[in-house]
Protein backbone atom coordinates (compact mmCIF):
# COMPACT_ATOMS: atom_id res chain seq x y z
CA MET A 1 108.41 265.72 136.42
CA SER A 2 111.85 265.27 134.89
CA SER A 3 112.80 261.70 134.94
CA PRO A 4 116.20 260.78 136.38
CA SER A 5 119.14 259.75 134.28
CA SER A 6 119.13 256.20 133.41
CA SER A 7 122.89 255.76 134.75
CA ALA A 8 121.75 257.32 138.00
CA GLY A 9 122.30 254.63 141.06
CA ARG A 10 124.09 252.30 138.95
CA PRO A 11 126.85 250.51 141.13
CA ALA A 12 130.32 250.50 139.79
CA PHE A 13 132.89 247.71 140.29
CA THR A 14 135.10 248.49 142.96
CA LEU A 15 138.96 247.72 142.40
CA VAL A 16 138.77 244.78 144.71
CA GLU A 17 135.92 243.34 142.62
CA LEU A 18 137.99 243.88 139.50
CA LEU A 19 141.13 242.01 140.78
CA VAL A 20 138.96 239.18 141.72
CA VAL A 21 137.49 238.84 138.07
CA ILE A 22 140.76 239.41 136.78
CA ALA A 23 142.20 236.40 138.94
CA ILE A 24 139.36 234.25 138.10
CA ILE A 25 140.11 234.99 134.38
CA GLY A 26 143.84 234.22 135.03
CA VAL A 27 143.05 230.79 136.89
CA LEU A 28 140.29 229.81 133.78
CA VAL A 29 143.20 230.36 131.37
CA ALA A 30 145.81 228.76 133.43
CA LEU A 31 143.43 225.72 133.28
CA LEU A 32 142.45 226.02 129.98
CA ILE A 33 146.25 226.17 128.25
CA PRO A 34 147.13 222.64 129.41
CA ALA A 35 144.00 221.48 127.86
CA VAL A 36 144.58 223.23 124.59
CA GLN A 37 148.14 221.97 124.36
CA ALA A 38 147.05 218.53 125.02
CA ALA A 39 144.36 218.35 122.25
CA ARG A 40 147.21 219.81 120.00
CA GLU A 41 149.63 217.12 120.92
CA ALA A 42 146.51 214.53 120.44
CA ALA A 43 146.04 215.69 117.14
CA ASN A 44 149.76 216.00 116.26
CA ARG A 45 149.94 212.53 117.33
CA THR A 46 147.61 211.13 115.22
CA HIS A 47 148.64 212.77 111.97
CA CYS A 48 152.32 211.43 112.93
CA PHE A 49 151.05 208.02 113.51
CA ASN A 50 148.68 208.22 110.00
CA ASN A 51 152.25 209.31 108.34
CA LEU A 52 153.67 206.14 109.81
CA LYS A 53 150.60 203.86 108.39
CA GLN A 54 151.47 205.69 105.17
CA ILE A 55 155.11 204.34 104.99
CA GLY A 56 154.18 200.78 106.10
CA LEU A 57 151.69 200.92 103.30
CA SER A 58 154.26 202.01 100.98
CA LEU A 59 156.93 199.19 102.37
CA HIS A 60 154.43 197.02 101.42
CA GLY A 61 153.77 198.29 98.23
CA PHE A 62 157.53 198.20 97.43
CA HIS A 63 157.81 194.55 98.66
CA ASP A 64 154.89 193.62 96.24
CA THR A 65 156.63 195.28 93.21
CA HIS A 66 159.97 194.23 93.82
CA ARG A 67 159.92 191.27 95.92
CA ARG A 68 162.27 192.46 98.36
CA ILE A 69 162.75 195.29 101.03
CA PRO A 70 164.44 198.51 100.01
CA PRO A 71 167.90 199.03 100.99
CA GLY A 72 168.59 201.17 103.99
CA GLY A 73 171.37 202.92 102.14
CA ASP A 74 175.24 203.18 102.28
CA VAL A 75 177.90 205.86 101.85
CA GLY A 76 180.10 206.58 98.90
CA PRO A 77 181.40 205.19 96.82
CA ASP A 78 183.80 207.81 97.36
CA THR A 79 183.82 207.98 100.98
CA SER A 80 186.39 210.82 100.61
CA LEU A 81 184.19 213.18 99.24
CA TYR A 82 180.67 211.69 100.73
CA CYS A 83 181.27 210.49 104.08
CA CYS A 84 177.90 210.47 105.10
CA SER A 85 175.71 210.43 101.65
CA ALA A 86 175.68 208.75 98.76
CA ALA A 87 177.08 209.97 95.68
CA PRO A 88 174.92 211.45 93.10
CA GLY A 89 173.68 208.93 90.61
CA PHE A 90 174.24 206.06 92.75
CA THR A 91 170.57 205.43 93.54
CA GLU A 92 171.31 201.80 94.88
CA HIS A 93 173.10 203.56 97.73
CA TYR A 94 170.52 205.99 98.60
CA SER A 95 168.24 205.77 101.98
CA TRP A 96 165.19 203.81 102.14
CA PRO A 97 163.00 206.60 101.86
CA TYR A 98 164.08 207.37 98.48
CA HIS A 99 163.01 204.15 97.30
CA LEU A 100 159.53 204.34 98.88
CA LEU A 101 159.05 207.93 96.98
CA PRO A 102 156.98 206.54 94.46
CA PHE A 103 154.73 204.70 96.90
CA LEU A 104 154.03 207.87 98.93
CA GLU A 105 153.12 209.49 95.70
CA GLN A 106 156.24 211.27 95.16
CA GLN A 107 157.59 210.36 92.07
CA HIS A 108 158.36 213.72 90.81
CA VAL A 109 160.86 213.71 93.79
CA GLN A 110 162.56 210.67 93.05
CA ASP A 111 163.00 212.14 89.48
CA LEU A 112 164.45 215.19 90.62
CA SER A 113 167.56 212.69 91.74
CA GLY A 114 168.53 212.34 88.21
CA THR A 115 168.26 215.99 87.19
CA ASP A 116 168.66 218.43 90.00
CA TYR A 117 170.79 216.51 93.00
CA TYR A 118 170.49 219.82 95.12
CA GLN A 119 166.90 220.30 94.74
CA PHE A 120 166.18 216.77 95.19
CA ARG A 121 167.67 216.86 98.65
CA ARG A 122 165.95 219.92 99.48
CA SER A 123 162.56 218.26 98.45
CA ILE A 124 159.79 218.08 101.50
CA VAL A 125 157.61 215.07 101.55
CA PRO A 126 154.88 215.70 104.14
CA ALA A 127 154.46 212.27 105.11
CA LEU A 128 157.94 212.25 106.54
CA TYR A 129 157.53 215.10 108.99
CA CYS A 130 155.79 214.82 112.57
CA PRO A 131 153.89 217.89 113.37
CA SER A 132 154.67 217.31 117.11
CA ARG A 133 158.45 218.16 116.28
CA ARG A 134 158.45 220.66 113.52
CA GLN A 135 156.68 222.34 110.68
CA LEU A 136 157.19 221.65 106.88
CA ARG A 137 160.32 223.71 105.95
CA LEU A 138 164.06 222.85 105.33
CA TYR A 139 166.25 222.23 108.33
CA LYS A 140 169.89 222.73 107.83
CA ASP A 141 168.95 223.53 104.44
CA PHE A 142 167.70 219.87 103.54
CA ALA A 143 164.64 217.94 103.60
CA LYS A 144 164.13 215.97 106.45
CA SER A 145 162.51 212.57 108.02
CA ASP A 146 161.59 211.95 111.22
CA TYR A 147 161.31 208.44 110.92
CA SER A 148 163.98 205.75 110.90
CA GLY A 149 164.31 202.29 109.75
CA ASN A 150 165.23 199.60 112.00
CA ILE A 151 168.57 197.87 111.74
CA GLY A 152 168.20 195.57 114.83
CA SER A 153 169.93 195.58 117.99
CA THR A 154 173.17 194.62 116.37
CA VAL A 155 173.07 196.48 113.74
CA HIS A 156 172.57 193.40 110.91
CA ASP A 157 169.66 191.71 112.48
CA GLY A 158 167.10 194.40 111.49
CA VAL A 159 164.53 194.81 108.83
CA PHE A 160 166.76 197.08 106.60
CA THR A 161 170.53 196.41 105.55
CA LYS A 162 173.04 198.33 103.84
CA ALA A 163 172.82 198.64 100.19
CA PRO A 164 175.12 195.71 99.10
CA LEU A 165 172.69 193.33 101.37
CA TYR A 166 169.52 194.95 100.19
CA GLN A 167 167.76 191.45 98.78
CA ARG A 168 166.31 190.85 102.49
CA ARG A 169 162.29 189.92 102.20
CA PHE A 170 159.59 189.51 104.40
CA ALA A 171 160.12 185.93 104.25
CA ASP A 172 163.36 186.62 105.88
CA ILE A 173 161.58 187.90 108.93
CA HIS A 174 161.30 184.81 111.20
CA GLU A 175 159.88 186.40 113.96
CA GLY A 176 156.67 187.25 112.08
CA LEU A 177 155.89 190.67 110.52
CA SER A 178 153.57 191.49 113.62
CA ASN A 179 156.41 190.74 115.99
CA THR A 180 159.10 192.86 114.18
CA LEU A 181 159.79 196.70 114.10
CA ALA A 182 159.87 198.42 110.44
CA VAL A 183 160.05 201.84 110.94
CA ALA A 184 159.88 204.52 113.84
CA GLU A 185 160.15 208.08 115.21
CA SER A 186 163.72 208.96 115.54
CA ARG A 187 165.16 210.68 118.75
CA ILE A 188 166.82 213.89 118.22
CA HIS A 189 168.49 216.99 120.15
CA ALA A 190 166.03 219.62 119.68
CA ARG A 191 168.06 222.44 120.44
CA PHE A 192 170.46 221.73 117.44
CA ILE A 193 167.29 221.21 115.05
CA GLU A 194 168.45 224.60 113.23
CA ALA A 195 172.31 224.27 113.40
CA GLY A 196 175.08 222.63 114.67
CA GLY A 197 175.08 219.41 116.42
CA CYS A 198 175.93 215.83 115.10
CA CYS A 199 174.74 213.20 113.83
CA GLY A 200 171.35 212.09 114.39
CA ASP A 201 169.70 215.00 112.48
CA ASN A 202 172.15 216.76 110.25
CA GLU A 203 171.81 214.90 106.79
CA ASP A 204 168.81 214.92 104.14
CA ALA A 205 166.18 212.42 104.20
CA TYR A 206 166.64 210.60 100.71
CA ALA A 207 170.76 210.14 100.18
CA SER A 208 171.94 210.38 103.97
CA GLY A 209 173.51 206.43 103.06
CA TRP A 210 174.05 204.42 106.29
CA ALA A 211 173.18 207.47 108.43
CA ASP A 212 171.54 208.16 111.96
CA ASP A 213 169.16 210.38 110.05
CA VAL A 214 167.03 207.30 108.64
CA LEU A 215 168.32 204.30 110.14
CA ARG A 216 168.46 203.39 114.02
CA THR A 217 168.96 200.58 116.31
CA THR A 218 167.07 198.91 119.36
CA PHE A 219 170.32 198.18 120.92
CA GLN A 220 170.02 201.50 123.39
CA ALA A 221 166.99 202.27 125.29
CA PRO A 222 164.53 204.78 123.41
CA GLY A 223 163.80 208.43 124.82
CA LYS A 224 162.02 211.86 124.45
CA ASP A 225 163.66 214.11 122.10
CA LEU A 226 166.60 216.37 124.07
CA LEU A 227 166.02 220.11 124.89
CA ASP A 228 168.84 220.63 127.07
CA PRO A 229 171.62 222.67 125.61
CA ALA A 230 174.08 221.46 127.89
CA LEU A 231 173.64 217.95 126.90
CA ALA A 232 175.73 216.69 123.89
CA PRO A 233 174.11 216.17 120.76
CA GLU A 234 175.31 212.69 120.14
CA LEU A 235 173.36 211.28 122.78
CA THR A 236 170.46 210.93 120.56
CA ASP A 237 172.25 209.09 118.02
CA HIS A 238 171.24 205.50 117.29
CA LYS A 239 168.18 205.98 119.12
CA PHE A 240 164.48 205.55 118.49
CA GLY A 241 161.98 208.34 120.21
CA SER A 242 160.22 211.23 119.64
CA SER A 243 158.61 214.66 120.99
CA HIS A 244 155.49 212.89 122.43
CA PRO A 245 155.20 212.86 125.99
CA ALA A 246 155.32 209.03 126.72
CA GLY A 247 156.35 207.18 123.78
CA PHE A 248 157.05 207.22 120.07
CA GLY A 249 155.26 205.64 117.19
CA ALA A 250 156.27 202.82 115.56
CA VAL A 251 155.01 200.76 112.45
CA LEU A 252 155.66 196.97 112.42
CA ALA A 253 156.40 195.00 109.43
CA ASP A 254 152.79 193.94 108.85
CA GLY A 255 151.81 197.66 108.70
CA SER A 256 150.43 198.08 112.11
CA VAL A 257 151.02 200.90 113.99
CA ARG A 258 151.77 200.93 117.50
CA MET A 259 153.19 203.41 120.62
CA VAL A 260 155.99 202.02 122.28
CA ARG A 261 156.73 203.13 125.57
CA TYR A 262 160.20 205.11 126.22
CA ASP A 263 160.20 202.86 129.63
CA ILE A 264 159.88 199.52 127.69
CA ASP A 265 161.92 196.48 129.02
CA LEU A 266 165.19 196.63 127.12
CA GLU A 267 165.01 192.77 126.73
CA VAL A 268 161.39 193.11 124.92
CA TYR A 269 162.85 196.41 123.04
CA ARG A 270 165.73 194.23 121.49
CA LYS A 271 163.51 191.50 120.59
CA LEU A 272 161.07 193.97 118.94
CA GLY A 273 163.94 194.70 116.47
CA ALA A 274 165.68 191.60 115.77
CA ILE A 275 164.17 189.79 112.86
CA ALA A 276 165.25 186.01 114.23
CA ASP A 277 166.08 186.03 117.72
CA GLY A 278 163.63 183.10 118.48
CA GLU A 279 162.41 184.65 121.42
CA PRO A 280 158.73 185.73 121.95
CA PHE A 281 156.99 188.43 123.58
CA SER A 282 153.80 190.13 124.52
CA HIS A 283 152.26 193.29 122.51
CA GLY A 284 151.33 194.46 125.53
CA ASP A 285 154.89 195.05 126.91
CA LEU A 286 155.53 197.51 124.08
């Protein structure tokens, strides 16, 4: 007696069953994608905050070595040629990231400033890039910083000052180092990250002078990066912010890193930015 084929009598999927399976898979994928995105953002945010921790430690390293806070930077001295950046060779006018380079283990980048000014401004330092916003590469032909120094709520009452006034010390921060913003993420218009748009993300990280690229105020409310090309790029100028959903990362003058909400009370925010306003606030308000 011959045995029947092993495939005989095996039921096949109907078209309806296949469609149901495909629909279930689609639902599962739709549920999984947000979870994957949330996990990726959590990892990127942790990386970004670790960068801020490095910057905070570097700031303290600089202060321990030089007994002062590094200059925020300044333009010129020939403003007709260098409207937004310091002139080559005038290192005292270079932005605060330049002065922290040796403490970020980037002495070779700082050394380039004296031999190849063009390549110096194109030298990427990973600790200055937040992965939630962009990859490690050049933008608008420059190396970038996603972090800005705090110049306060009135431009002159923050941790960083213009180059001629750079002798500020931690002892000058009368509010206490744990109550004063030192460096935080910058808000930009992400639609103009590659080209066009002015002025918060159009210069390099190291010689941009007294510019929005590396210095921000706490006078105006912070916010998430803009994406709508119909909105003017200058809406992000002078402001702190980030690509994170709920708030931006900040390192205080004592080196501690915190998340600051976008909806922070504006008065609390201004107190956070001022070195001597004489008004206390709670860290829970951040």
